[in-house]
Amino acid sequence: MSTTPSHRFTERPGQQQREQRVQEAVNALGHWLLSSTQTTPGWDQLIADFTPAWSSPGSYLARISEIRDGEELVGSTGAVGPATTVVPLLEQLRAAAYEPETGAWLSASIVIDAQGWPEPQYQVGLDAEYEEEPSSWLPGEEATAAALAQDLRAYPRTAAALPEWMARRLEEAGLTVPPAEAQETDAAAPAETAADGGTAHGQEAAAAAPGSAAPAEAAGRPASAQPITGPAQNPDLLRALEHYGRRPEHRTQLNVLRALMGGQALLDVSGSDFQPGPRGEQIGPGSTLRLQTVQGPDGATLLAVFATEDTARALHAAGGTGTDFRTQARPGAQILRQMLEETPCDGVVVEPNGRASCRLDRALIAEALAAPHLDAAKEALLEESMPRLLGSLIAPDARLLIALDGPGEDAYPIYVQTEDGSTPETMLLFTSAPEAAAIDPELTLRAAPARQALQLAVDAGAGHVRINALSPSAVLPIEQVRELLELAAMQDRL
């Protein structure tokens, strides 16, 4: 087989200037936070949370807090108007960070880390959220459909970037906002082939390396289960990548792994030799599957995984192999399992030539796949199919993960905290370890049969059960959980 020559990646047009404008706004907001906040020296982090004040366009809600010795202390909370010094900086930040493919941020946190008291060194950063509905810190400040429509006219989004909750709220109110057109990008461009196969430039992976050949799937697999050619539909993965690109850390990396395991992704299989199977399978006996890999800056060989066909096509074109471009959409968990079992790759890199890319090493993937995970429930959540979700939860071999407040035998399950400080009543259960780690990598988890985990919520007097903390998730009233367990018991008696 022919090999893929090395190539270099180019930045999106205007990306550097945009990032510079964002950083300028972040630095200015950090200066404002330090100069306007009265605190006792010795804090570890100073945090300013912002979200648009939906009832008053042009204003924002602000909440100041600090982290000191591992404890969060919330200070002032209120609204800031256009006449204040901070709002023009927030408007500058929102405009600079805006893209049609992501929209404008819905909430943002300016985080200042301090080290070396009594004369500390400061480092300022930004954590922006583009998808989740922002929490309301003041009464009457929920994001109404009318306010959302007005905001979308100012910062239009592509159809793919419109969160489900936002689209539903607009639809229920009978409001429509024309979507923005996706911007064309030049994510990758070919360069002269390096004689030594030298490295290229990118966030996580760099030069394309020879593709690795892996044996095809076993014969006899039903045609309906065969990988299909075409684009993957996993907007959750794109959102996770965007978040990781803005704040690359272990928690956001785990969120990418969570999104990949919970949906589909694309493999570049250009140059593969597919022989149809005797039962109509796309990949039958005698097929050879060629997978695109890239080389990391440390020399690691990484399987290239794509969230969009455009980036896969751009990387293939940059390689100049002369083979016909072809992709396969597969469940992400299957891709990861195949990488571990059938290739010598050191890990995967998601969107190696995209606006944001994320490397997932073999050990991290192996740990995630070794832990119990209920893929059927996650797929049902993605499809918004309540019947499928309920059925998956009472399957005989179904297992869920219970989040606990500590490692001991006397540890208690963790509940979703309420915004008004009332007693929490919604117990958290997870379909996989990455789902939990994406919100807190230090969470203590205990695997249990799904029915047993649901029964625990009933016995503990919970009012609801929430399956997964991050979207897509589902909240089940405890009465529905009781009925589900009774149905499972009846099925067992049949």
Foldseek 3Di string as FASTA:
>chain_A
DDFFFWFAWDAWPCPVVLVVLLVVLLVVVVVVQVVVDDDDPQFFKKKKKWFPQLVDPQKIWIWIWTHHPNDIGTDDIDMDHNVDPSSVSVVSNQVSPADQAAWGFGMKMWMWGWDDPPVTDIDIAMQTHRADQDDDLDPPRGNALVSLLVSCVVTAHAPLNHHPVNVVRVVVVVHDDDHDDHDDTLLGAADDGDPVSDFYDFDWFTIWTTWDKWDDDAAPDAQVQAWDWDAWPQSQLVSLQVSCQRPPDPLSLLSNVVSLQLGKWKWWQFPWAADAGPNGHRHHPPTMTTTTWTAGPVRFIATEIENTVVLVVSVVVNRPRPTDTIMTMDRSLVVLVCCQPIHPGQFHKYSRRDNGIHTDGNVNSVVFVVWAAQNQLSNCLVVVNPVSNLVSLLPPQQKKKFWWPDDDPPTDTDFDQDSVRDDGQEGEIERTLSLVSSVPVPTDIDMDRSLVVLVVSVVVRGQWYWYGDDPPIDIGGNVVSVVSSVVSVVVVVD
